[in-house]
Amino acid sequence: MDTETTANEDETRRRKTASPEIDVDGLKSDCSSPERIDEEKEKAADDRSDGSEQEQKKLEPARLLWILLDLTGSFRSFEYPSKASPEPSEALLDPSLIFQTKNTLPPPTTQRARTSSSTSDGTEALIATLSAWDWVTIDGLQLPAVSRNKERYVAVHMVQLKLLSKFPSHIPPEITRKFTMGSHKMSVSEAWTFNSINAVIRKFDLGCQLFTADDELVKLNDVQMFYWNVKLFNLQRVNSEYETAIRAAEHNIQLLATAMQLKQQVENDIL
């Protein structure tokens, strides 16, 4: 009996020696609690979100370039659909009064002379134009501009739509004569650059239209001079209208206070 007991004890000791002990406390610390799992999931989601935003910022210029290349291809032989002439509107400024078409400015040149391969030459012209545009800001509004001979130009249609459409059509002749802007025809690559920026980045906020070589550009400096002078004229007009309203509301205290505050705001903008 004693011999059998001793044999059992020896067998137990041999099994313990062959099997390593498990650190239960260490195992518990390595195991993820429900709270820890939630924290790890949130951290992983944040990492993926940050990585996605950074990757999207890195890919945006390349994405725009590939869209441009895909849209244009052999754009020299592209035939544009004819545009319908817009009906005149009294609410908008007459473009003929402020834009004068000039044909003296040549389109931007590429580094290599054109060959018989329209596809390769067109791609080079497009890449050159794409690398030569940037954002410009006029009165808090961003517009895309292309460069020609170290001068920046914006699209006439965008200037009319985003800047000038808020002004009444009546502008004193001395302003239109002094600040008339000279416009120039777009090149095809410039037109497709504006098309891609408008569609991909601005989601047609700059006009639901297709820009073509029949559209026109205007020098940024000319636009700024014309815009700020027209805005000053209209602010002075509004200010005089507030003065009339203040005189008419002298017996209405609340209306008088409101009109005086608005007049002060206009005067601050004029200054």
C-alpha atoms as a PDB file:
ATOM      1  CA  MET A   1       0.000   0.000   0.000  1.00  0.00           C
ATOM      2  CA  ASP A   2       2.807   2.393   0.932  1.00  0.00           C
ATOM      3  CA  THR A   3       4.642   1.443  -2.227  1.00  0.00           C
ATOM      4  CA  GLU A   4       1.586   2.341  -4.350  1.00  0.00           C
ATOM      5  CA  THR A   5       1.182   5.701  -2.564  1.00  0.00           C
ATOM      6  CA  THR A   6       4.836   6.550  -3.096  1.00  0.00           C
ATOM      7  CA  ALA A   7       4.526   5.688  -6.792  1.00  0.00           C
ATOM      8  CA  ASN A   8       1.506   7.988  -7.158  1.00  0.00           C
ATOM      9  CA  GLU A   9       3.350  10.876  -5.483  1.00  0.00           C
ATOM     10  CA  ASP A  10       6.354  10.374  -7.775  1.00  0.00           C
ATOM     11  CA  GLU A  11       4.066  10.434 -10.834  1.00  0.00           C
ATOM     12  CA  THR A  12       2.411  13.659  -9.639  1.00  0.00           C
ATOM     13  CA  ARG A  13       5.773  15.353  -9.097  1.00  0.00           C
ATOM     14  CA  ARG A  14       6.939  14.240 -12.557  1.00  0.00           C
ATOM     15  CA  ARG A  15       3.836  15.763 -14.244  1.00  0.00           C
ATOM     16  CA  LYS A  16       4.302  19.070 -12.393  1.00  0.00           C
ATOM     17  CA  THR A  17       7.922  19.230 -13.502  1.00  0.00           C
ATOM     18  CA  ALA A  18       6.999  18.539 -17.145  1.00  0.00           C
ATOM     19  CA  SER A  19       4.116  21.121 -17.201  1.00  0.00           C
ATOM     20  CA  PRO A  20       5.155  24.798 -16.594  1.00  0.00           C
ATOM     21  CA  GLU A  21       3.078  26.771 -14.149  1.00  0.00           C
ATOM     22  CA  ILE A  22       0.659  29.339 -15.596  1.00  0.00           C
ATOM     23  CA  ASP A  23       0.890  32.868 -14.265  1.00  0.00           C
ATOM     24  CA  VAL A  24      -2.773  33.593 -13.680  1.00  0.00           C
ATOM     25  CA  ASP A  25      -2.195  37.223 -12.660  1.00  0.00           C
ATOM     26  CA  GLY A  26      -0.089  37.868 -15.743  1.00  0.00           C
ATOM     27  CA  LEU A  27      -2.698  36.210 -17.925  1.00  0.00           C
ATOM     28  CA  LYS A  28      -5.413  38.414 -16.479  1.00  0.00           C
ATOM     29  CA  SER A  29      -3.367  41.505 -17.128  1.00  0.00           C
ATOM     30  CA  ASP A  30      -2.862  40.481 -20.764  1.00  0.00           C
ATOM     31  CA  CYS A  31      -6.527  39.667 -21.280  1.00  0.00           C
ATOM     32  CA  SER A  32      -8.576  42.592 -22.550  1.00  0.00           C
ATOM     33  CA  SER A  33     -11.475  43.701 -20.414  1.00  0.00           C
ATOM     34  CA  PRO A  34     -14.636  44.993 -22.120  1.00  0.00           C
ATOM     35  CA  GLU A  35     -13.591  48.558 -21.293  1.00  0.00           C
ATOM     36  CA  ARG A  36     -10.130  47.985 -22.756  1.00  0.00           C
ATOM     37  CA  ILE A  37     -11.603  46.465 -25.910  1.00  0.00           C
ATOM     38  CA  ASP A  38     -13.805  49.553 -26.400  1.00  0.00           C
ATOM     39  CA  GLU A  39     -10.827  51.857 -25.882  1.00  0.00           C
ATOM     40  CA  GLU A  40      -8.738  49.916 -28.392  1.00  0.00           C
ATOM     41  CA  LYS A  41     -11.570  50.014 -30.934  1.00  0.00           C
ATOM     42  CA  GLU A  42     -11.968  53.785 -30.529  1.00  0.00           C
ATOM     43  CA  LYS A  43      -8.201  54.306 -30.837  1.00  0.00           C
ATOM     44  CA  ALA A  44      -8.050  52.173 -33.966  1.00  0.00           C
ATOM     45  CA  ALA A  45     -10.992  54.080 -35.486  1.00  0.00           C
ATOM     46  CA  ASP A  46      -9.290  57.431 -34.746  1.00  0.00           C
ATOM     47  CA  ASP A  47      -6.031  56.190 -36.292  1.00  0.00           C
ATOM     48  CA  ARG A  48      -7.873  55.067 -39.408  1.00  0.00           C
ATOM     49  CA  SER A  49      -9.720  58.401 -39.627  1.00  0.00           C
ATOM     50  CA  ASP A  50      -6.512  60.457 -39.287  1.00  0.00           C
ATOM     51  CA  GLY A  51      -4.744  58.271 -41.793  1.00  0.00           C
ATOM     52  CA  SER A  52      -7.649  58.538 -44.207  1.00  0.00           C
ATOM     53  CA  GLU A  53      -7.708  62.360 -44.016  1.00  0.00           C
ATOM     54  CA  GLN A  54      -3.953  62.621 -44.493  1.00  0.00           C
ATOM     55  CA  GLU A  55      -4.062  60.179 -47.379  1.00  0.00           C
ATOM     56  CA  GLN A  56      -6.926  62.090 -49.012  1.00  0.00           C
ATOM     57  CA  LYS A  57      -4.979  65.355 -48.768  1.00  0.00           C
ATOM     58  CA  LYS A  58      -1.967  63.679 -50.362  1.00  0.00           C
ATOM     59  CA  LEU A  59      -4.050  62.184 -53.162  1.00  0.00           C
ATOM     60  CA  GLU A  60      -6.145  65.268 -54.032  1.00  0.00           C
ATOM     61  CA  PRO A  61      -3.627  66.885 -56.443  1.00  0.00           C
ATOM     62  CA  ALA A  62      -2.877  63.556 -58.072  1.00  0.00           C
ATOM     63  CA  ARG A  63      -6.579  62.726 -58.302  1.00  0.00           C
ATOM     64  CA  LEU A  64      -7.301  66.048 -59.980  1.00  0.00           C
ATOM     65  CA  LEU A  65      -4.418  65.507 -62.409  1.00  0.00           C
ATOM     66  CA  TRP A  66      -5.647  62.052 -63.416  1.00  0.00           C
ATOM     67  CA  ILE A  67      -9.189  63.339 -63.855  1.00  0.00           C
ATOM     68  CA  LEU A  68      -7.844  66.099 -66.054  1.00  0.00           C
ATOM     69  CA  LEU A  69      -5.851  63.670 -68.148  1.00  0.00           C
ATOM     70  CA  ASP A  70      -8.789  61.319 -68.426  1.00  0.00           C
ATOM     71  CA  LEU A  71     -11.178  64.100 -69.399  1.00  0.00           C
ATOM     72  CA  THR A  72      -8.948  65.710 -71.979  1.00  0.00           C
ATOM     73  CA  GLY A  73      -6.884  63.070 -73.746  1.00  0.00           C
ATOM     74  CA  SER A  74      -6.446  64.420 -77.229  1.00  0.00           C
ATOM     75  CA  PHE A  75      -8.169  67.703 -76.499  1.00  0.00           C
ATOM     76  CA  ARG A  76      -6.803  69.469 -79.547  1.00  0.00           C
ATOM     77  CA  SER A  77      -9.271  67.633 -81.718  1.00  0.00           C
ATOM     78  CA  PHE A  78     -12.188  67.998 -79.289  1.00  0.00           C
ATOM     79  CA  GLU A  79     -15.285  69.624 -80.753  1.00  0.00           C
ATOM     80  CA  TYR A  80     -17.307  71.636 -78.282  1.00  0.00           C
ATOM     81  CA  PRO A  81     -21.077  71.841 -78.480  1.00  0.00           C
ATOM     82  CA  SER A  82     -22.314  75.247 -79.507  1.00  0.00           C
ATOM     83  CA  LYS A  83     -23.433  77.452 -76.650  1.00  0.00           C
ATOM     84  CA  ALA A  84     -26.810  79.108 -76.592  1.00  0.00           C
ATOM     85  CA  SER A  85     -26.606  82.846 -76.185  1.00  0.00           C
ATOM     86  CA  PRO A  86     -27.958  83.864 -72.759  1.00  0.00           C
ATOM     87  CA  GLU A  87     -30.959  86.121 -72.691  1.00  0.00           C
ATOM     88  CA  PRO A  88     -30.201  89.656 -71.536  1.00  0.00           C
ATOM     89  CA  SER A  89     -31.179  90.474 -67.970  1.00  0.00           C
ATOM     90  CA  GLU A  90     -31.585  93.928 -66.489  1.00  0.00           C
ATOM     91  CA  ALA A  91     -30.483  92.592 -63.093  1.00  0.00           C
ATOM     92  CA  LEU A  92     -26.994  91.769 -64.318  1.00  0.00           C
ATOM     93  CA  LEU A  93     -24.207  94.003 -65.487  1.00  0.00           C
ATOM     94  CA  ASP A  94     -23.803  94.213 -69.234  1.00  0.00           C
ATOM     95  CA  PRO A  95     -20.497  92.400 -69.945  1.00  0.00           C
ATOM     96  CA  SER A  96     -19.872  94.551 -73.008  1.00  0.00           C
ATOM     97  CA  LEU A  97     -19.607  97.595 -70.747  1.00  0.00           C
ATOM     98  CA  ILE A  98     -16.883  96.211 -68.520  1.00  0.00           C
ATOM     99  CA  PHE A  99     -15.103  93.537 -70.567  1.00  0.00           C
ATOM    100  CA  GLN A 100     -13.316  94.269 -73.817  1.00  0.00           C
ATOM    101  CA  THR A 101     -12.053  91.289 -75.774  1.00  0.00           C
ATOM    102  CA  LYS A 102      -8.406  91.504 -76.748  1.00  0.00           C
ATOM    103  CA  ASN A 103      -6.532  89.092 -78.981  1.00  0.00           C
ATOM    104  CA  THR A 104      -3.048  90.438 -78.369  1.00  0.00           C
ATOM    105  CA  LEU A 105      -2.146  88.105 -75.507  1.00  0.00           C
ATOM    106  CA  PRO A 106      -0.877  84.707 -76.680  1.00  0.00           C
ATOM    107  CA  PRO A 107      -1.833  81.563 -74.778  1.00  0.00           C
ATOM    108  CA  PRO A 108       0.796  80.077 -72.448  1.00  0.00           C
ATOM    109  CA  THR A 109       3.534  78.263 -74.333  1.00  0.00           C
ATOM    110  CA  THR A 110       4.894  74.843 -73.483  1.00  0.00           C
ATOM    111  CA  GLN A 111       8.581  74.012 -73.273  1.00  0.00           C
ATOM    112  CA  ARG A 112       8.553  71.882 -76.400  1.00  0.00           C
ATOM    113  CA  ALA A 113       7.248  72.767 -79.841  1.00  0.00           C
ATOM    114  CA  ARG A 114       4.162  70.904 -81.010  1.00  0.00           C
ATOM    115  CA  THR A 115       4.641  67.785 -83.062  1.00  0.00           C
ATOM    116  CA  SER A 116       2.289  65.611 -85.037  1.00  0.00           C
ATOM    117  CA  SER A 117       1.315  63.727 -81.865  1.00  0.00           C
ATOM    118  CA  SER A 118      -1.622  65.705 -80.522  1.00  0.00           C
ATOM    119  CA  THR A 119      -2.062  63.398 -77.536  1.00  0.00           C
ATOM    120  CA  SER A 120       1.450  63.827 -76.142  1.00  0.00           C
ATOM    121  CA  ASP A 121       1.536  67.561 -76.855  1.00  0.00           C
ATOM    122  CA  GLY A 122      -1.914  68.002 -75.358  1.00  0.00           C
ATOM    123  CA  THR A 123      -0.886  66.138 -72.222  1.00  0.00           C
ATOM    124  CA  GLU A 124       2.208  68.308 -71.817  1.00  0.00           C
ATOM    125  CA  ALA A 125       0.175  71.498 -72.253  1.00  0.00           C
ATOM    126  CA  LEU A 126      -2.378  70.282 -69.730  1.00  0.00           C
ATOM    127  CA  ILE A 127       0.241  69.358 -67.140  1.00  0.00           C
ATOM    128  CA  ALA A 128       1.934  72.745 -67.619  1.00  0.00           C
ATOM    129  CA  THR A 129      -1.367  74.557 -67.121  1.00  0.00           C
ATOM    130  CA  LEU A 130      -2.359  72.418 -64.146  1.00  0.00           C
ATOM    131  CA  SER A 131       0.887  73.229 -62.369  1.00  0.00           C
ATOM    132  CA  ALA A 132       0.409  76.957 -63.040  1.00  0.00           C
ATOM    133  CA  TRP A 133      -2.956  77.583 -61.321  1.00  0.00           C
ATOM    134  CA  ASP A 134      -3.704  78.518 -57.736  1.00  0.00           C
ATOM    135  CA  TRP A 135      -6.400  80.045 -55.558  1.00  0.00           C
ATOM    136  CA  VAL A 136      -6.865  83.806 -55.320  1.00  0.00           C
ATOM    137  CA  THR A 137      -9.086  85.605 -52.834  1.00  0.00           C
ATOM    138  CA  ILE A 138     -11.228  88.642 -53.611  1.00  0.00           C
ATOM    139  CA  ASP A 139     -13.329  90.022 -50.745  1.00  0.00           C
ATOM    140  CA  GLY A 140     -13.249  86.685 -48.944  1.00  0.00           C
ATOM    141  CA  LEU A 141     -14.194  84.652 -52.024  1.00  0.00           C
ATOM    142  CA  GLN A 142     -11.772  82.097 -53.455  1.00  0.00           C
ATOM    143  CA  LEU A 143     -11.496  81.717 -57.232  1.00  0.00           C
ATOM    144  CA  PRO A 144      -9.117  79.587 -59.302  1.00  0.00           C
ATOM    145  CA  ALA A 145      -6.612  81.532 -61.401  1.00  0.00           C
ATOM    146  CA  VAL A 146      -4.253  80.452 -64.171  1.00  0.00           C
ATOM    147  CA  SER A 147      -0.915  82.072 -64.923  1.00  0.00           C
ATOM    148  CA  ARG A 148       0.251  83.646 -68.146  1.00  0.00           C
ATOM    149  CA  ASN A 149       3.595  85.401 -68.395  1.00  0.00           C
ATOM    150  CA  LYS A 150       3.760  85.642 -64.587  1.00  0.00           C
ATOM    151  CA  GLU A 151       0.314  87.294 -64.462  1.00  0.00           C
ATOM    152  CA  ARG A 152      -2.730  85.636 -62.915  1.00  0.00           C
ATOM    153  CA  TYR A 153      -6.043  85.458 -64.775  1.00  0.00           C
ATOM    154  CA  VAL A 154      -9.530  84.424 -63.693  1.00  0.00           C
ATOM    155  CA  ALA A 155     -12.527  83.303 -65.728  1.00  0.00           C
ATOM    156  CA  VAL A 156     -14.893  86.085 -66.805  1.00  0.00           C
ATOM    157  CA  HIS A 157     -17.918  83.862 -66.146  1.00  0.00           C
ATOM    158  CA  MET A 158     -16.809  83.237 -62.541  1.00  0.00           C
ATOM    159  CA  VAL A 159     -16.239  86.955 -61.965  1.00  0.00           C
ATOM    160  CA  GLN A 160     -19.739  87.754 -63.210  1.00  0.00           C
ATOM    161  CA  LEU A 161     -21.395  84.921 -61.275  1.00  0.00           C
ATOM    162  CA  LYS A 162     -19.624  85.156 -57.913  1.00  0.00           C
ATOM    163  CA  LEU A 163     -18.602  88.825 -57.649  1.00  0.00           C
ATOM    164  CA  LEU A 164     -20.567  91.189 -59.881  1.00  0.00           C
ATOM    165  CA  SER A 165     -24.026  89.623 -59.834  1.00  0.00           C
ATOM    166  CA  LYS A 166     -24.796  91.122 -56.406  1.00  0.00           C
ATOM    167  CA  PHE A 167     -24.510  94.679 -57.689  1.00  0.00           C
ATOM    168  CA  PRO A 168     -27.318  96.585 -59.451  1.00  0.00           C
ATOM    169  CA  SER A 169     -26.858  96.977 -63.174  1.00  0.00           C
ATOM    170  CA  HIS A 170     -26.513 100.745 -63.000  1.00  0.00           C
ATOM    171  CA  ILE A 171     -22.867 101.803 -62.681  1.00  0.00           C
ATOM    172  CA  PRO A 172     -21.690 105.359 -63.392  1.00  0.00           C
ATOM    173  CA  PRO A 173     -20.017 105.691 -66.820  1.00  0.00           C
ATOM    174  CA  GLU A 174     -16.880 107.155 -65.247  1.00  0.00           C
ATOM    175  CA  ILE A 175     -16.280 103.855 -63.439  1.00  0.00           C
ATOM    176  CA  THR A 176     -16.918 101.647 -66.462  1.00  0.00           C
ATOM    177  CA  ARG A 177     -14.711 103.820 -68.668  1.00  0.00           C
ATOM    178  CA  LYS A 178     -11.873 103.990 -66.172  1.00  0.00           C
ATOM    179  CA  PHE A 179     -11.918 100.362 -65.033  1.00  0.00           C
ATOM    180  CA  THR A 180     -13.029  98.464 -68.140  1.00  0.00           C
ATOM    181  CA  MET A 181     -11.277  95.083 -68.114  1.00  0.00           C
ATOM    182  CA  GLY A 182      -9.562  93.555 -71.120  1.00  0.00           C
ATOM    183  CA  SER A 183     -10.522  89.901 -71.633  1.00  0.00           C
ATOM    184  CA  HIS A 184      -8.675  87.181 -73.547  1.00  0.00           C
ATOM    185  CA  LYS A 185      -9.754  83.839 -74.986  1.00  0.00           C
ATOM    186  CA  MET A 186      -8.935  80.740 -72.953  1.00  0.00           C
ATOM    187  CA  SER A 187      -6.742  78.000 -74.316  1.00  0.00           C
ATOM    188  CA  VAL A 188      -8.289  74.529 -74.409  1.00  0.00           C
ATOM    189  CA  SER A 189      -6.052  73.298 -71.598  1.00  0.00           C
ATOM    190  CA  GLU A 190      -7.054  76.286 -69.443  1.00  0.00           C
ATOM    191  CA  ALA A 191     -10.724  75.600 -70.134  1.00  0.00           C
ATOM    192  CA  TRP A 192     -10.377  71.979 -69.022  1.00  0.00           C
ATOM    193  CA  THR A 193      -8.419  73.042 -65.961  1.00  0.00           C
ATOM    194  CA  PHE A 194     -11.341  75.260 -64.925  1.00  0.00           C
ATOM    195  CA  ASN A 195     -13.786  72.448 -65.752  1.00  0.00           C
ATOM    196  CA  SER A 196     -11.958  69.996 -63.508  1.00  0.00           C
ATOM    197  CA  ILE A 197     -11.562  72.416 -60.610  1.00  0.00           C
ATOM    198  CA  ASN A 198     -15.223  73.365 -60.867  1.00  0.00           C
ATOM    199  CA  ALA A 199     -16.427  69.754 -60.959  1.00  0.00           C
ATOM    200  CA  VAL A 200     -13.990  67.972 -58.615  1.00  0.00           C
ATOM    201  CA  ILE A 201     -13.165  70.582 -55.972  1.00  0.00           C
ATOM    202  CA  ARG A 202     -16.021  73.105 -56.036  1.00  0.00           C
ATOM    203  CA  LYS A 203     -18.840  70.710 -57.033  1.00  0.00           C
ATOM    204  CA  PHE A 204     -20.112  73.143 -59.711  1.00  0.00           C
ATOM    205  CA  ASP A 205     -20.295  76.004 -57.238  1.00  0.00           C
ATOM    206  CA  LEU A 206     -18.607  78.141 -59.905  1.00  0.00           C
ATOM    207  CA  GLY A 207     -21.344  77.537 -62.463  1.00  0.00           C
ATOM    208  CA  CYS A 208     -23.046  74.508 -63.996  1.00  0.00           C
ATOM    209  CA  GLN A 209     -21.449  74.885 -67.373  1.00  0.00           C
ATOM    210  CA  LEU A 210     -18.708  73.542 -69.595  1.00  0.00           C
ATOM    211  CA  PHE A 211     -15.836  75.972 -70.105  1.00  0.00           C
ATOM    212  CA  THR A 212     -14.485  75.994 -73.643  1.00  0.00           C
ATOM    213  CA  ALA A 213     -11.960  77.887 -75.727  1.00  0.00           C
ATOM    214  CA  ASP A 214     -14.762  80.377 -76.471  1.00  0.00           C
ATOM    215  CA  ASP A 215     -14.775  81.494 -72.830  1.00  0.00           C
ATOM    216  CA  GLU A 216     -12.602  84.359 -71.695  1.00  0.00           C
ATOM    217  CA  LEU A 217     -10.059  85.270 -69.035  1.00  0.00           C
ATOM    218  CA  VAL A 218      -9.444  88.606 -67.368  1.00  0.00           C
ATOM    219  CA  LYS A 219      -6.423  89.829 -65.440  1.00  0.00           C
ATOM    220  CA  LEU A 220      -6.763  89.498 -61.661  1.00  0.00           C
ATOM    221  CA  ASN A 221      -5.476  93.016 -60.958  1.00  0.00           C
ATOM    222  CA  ASP A 222      -8.088  94.500 -63.312  1.00  0.00           C
ATOM    223  CA  VAL A 223     -10.860  92.547 -61.577  1.00  0.00           C
ATOM    224  CA  GLN A 224      -9.761  93.765 -58.149  1.00  0.00           C
ATOM    225  CA  MET A 225      -9.651  97.413 -59.233  1.00  0.00           C
ATOM    226  CA  PHE A 226     -13.074  97.250 -60.851  1.00  0.00           C
ATOM    227  CA  TYR A 227     -14.704  95.242 -58.049  1.00  0.00           C
ATOM    228  CA  TRP A 228     -13.572  97.426 -55.146  1.00  0.00           C
ATOM    229  CA  ASN A 229     -14.551 100.652 -56.918  1.00  0.00           C
ATOM    230  CA  VAL A 230     -17.990  99.270 -57.785  1.00  0.00           C
ATOM    231  CA  LYS A 231     -18.457  98.034 -54.221  1.00  0.00           C
ATOM    232  CA  LEU A 232     -17.446 101.422 -52.809  1.00  0.00           C
ATOM    233  CA  PHE A 233     -19.955 103.158 -55.070  1.00  0.00           C
ATOM    234  CA  ASN A 234     -22.756 100.827 -53.925  1.00  0.00           C
ATOM    235  CA  LEU A 235     -21.850 101.119 -50.236  1.00  0.00           C
ATOM    236  CA  GLN A 236     -22.052 104.899 -50.518  1.00  0.00           C
ATOM    237  CA  ARG A 237     -25.421 104.538 -52.250  1.00  0.00           C
ATOM    238  CA  VAL A 238     -26.736 102.267 -49.474  1.00  0.00           C
ATOM    239  CA  ASN A 239     -25.390 104.666 -46.852  1.00  0.00           C
ATOM    240  CA  SER A 240     -27.355 107.547 -48.344  1.00  0.00           C
ATOM    241  CA  GLU A 241     -30.480 105.377 -48.358  1.00  0.00           C
ATOM    242  CA  TYR A 242     -29.977 104.681 -44.641  1.00  0.00           C
ATOM    243  CA  GLU A 243     -29.749 108.434 -44.021  1.00  0.00           C
ATOM    244  CA  THR A 244     -33.112 108.877 -45.729  1.00  0.00           C
ATOM    245  CA  ALA A 245     -34.587 106.051 -43.642  1.00  0.00           C
ATOM    246  CA  ILE A 246     -33.222 107.602 -40.433  1.00  0.00           C
ATOM    247  CA  ARG A 247     -34.871 110.940 -41.178  1.00  0.00           C
ATOM    248  CA  ALA A 248     -38.169 109.189 -41.857  1.00  0.00           C
ATOM    249  CA  ALA A 249     -37.989 107.130 -38.638  1.00  0.00           C
ATOM    250  CA  GLU A 250     -37.111 109.865 -36.156  1.00  0.00           C
ATOM    251  CA  HIS A 251     -40.345 109.236 -34.189  1.00  0.00           C
ATOM    252  CA  ASN A 252     -39.867 105.432 -34.100  1.00  0.00           C
ATOM    253  CA  ILE A 253     -37.106 104.838 -31.576  1.00  0.00           C
ATOM    254  CA  GLN A 254     -36.610 101.126 -32.279  1.00  0.00           C
ATOM    255  CA  LEU A 255     -36.519 101.565 -36.048  1.00  0.00           C
ATOM    256  CA  LEU A 256     -34.263 104.579 -35.700  1.00  0.00           C
ATOM    257  CA  ALA A 257     -31.773 102.644 -33.560  1.00  0.00           C
ATOM    258  CA  THR A 258     -31.718  99.772 -36.031  1.00  0.00           C
ATOM    259  CA  ALA A 259     -31.152 102.043 -39.033  1.00  0.00           C
ATOM    260  CA  MET A 260     -28.367 103.926 -37.244  1.00  0.00           C
ATOM    261  CA  GLN A 261     -26.578 100.670 -36.347  1.00  0.00           C
ATOM    262  CA  LEU A 262     -26.771  99.465 -39.952  1.00  0.00           C
ATOM    263  CA  LYS A 263     -25.532 102.812 -41.215  1.00  0.00           C
ATOM    264  CA  GLN A 264     -22.575 102.611 -38.857  1.00  0.00           C
ATOM    265  CA  GLN A 265     -21.774  99.135 -40.165  1.00  0.00           C
ATOM    266  CA  VAL A 266     -21.774 100.406 -43.764  1.00  0.00           C
ATOM    267  CA  GLU A 267     -19.537 103.331 -42.830  1.00  0.00           C
ATOM    268  CA  ASN A 268     -17.072 100.902 -41.194  1.00  0.00           C
ATOM    269  CA  ASP A 269     -17.007  98.864 -44.422  1.00  0.00           C
ATOM    270  CA  ILE A 270     -16.349 102.019 -46.441  1.00  0.00           C
ATOM    271  CA  LEU A 271     -13.408 102.902 -44.229  1.00  0.00           C
END
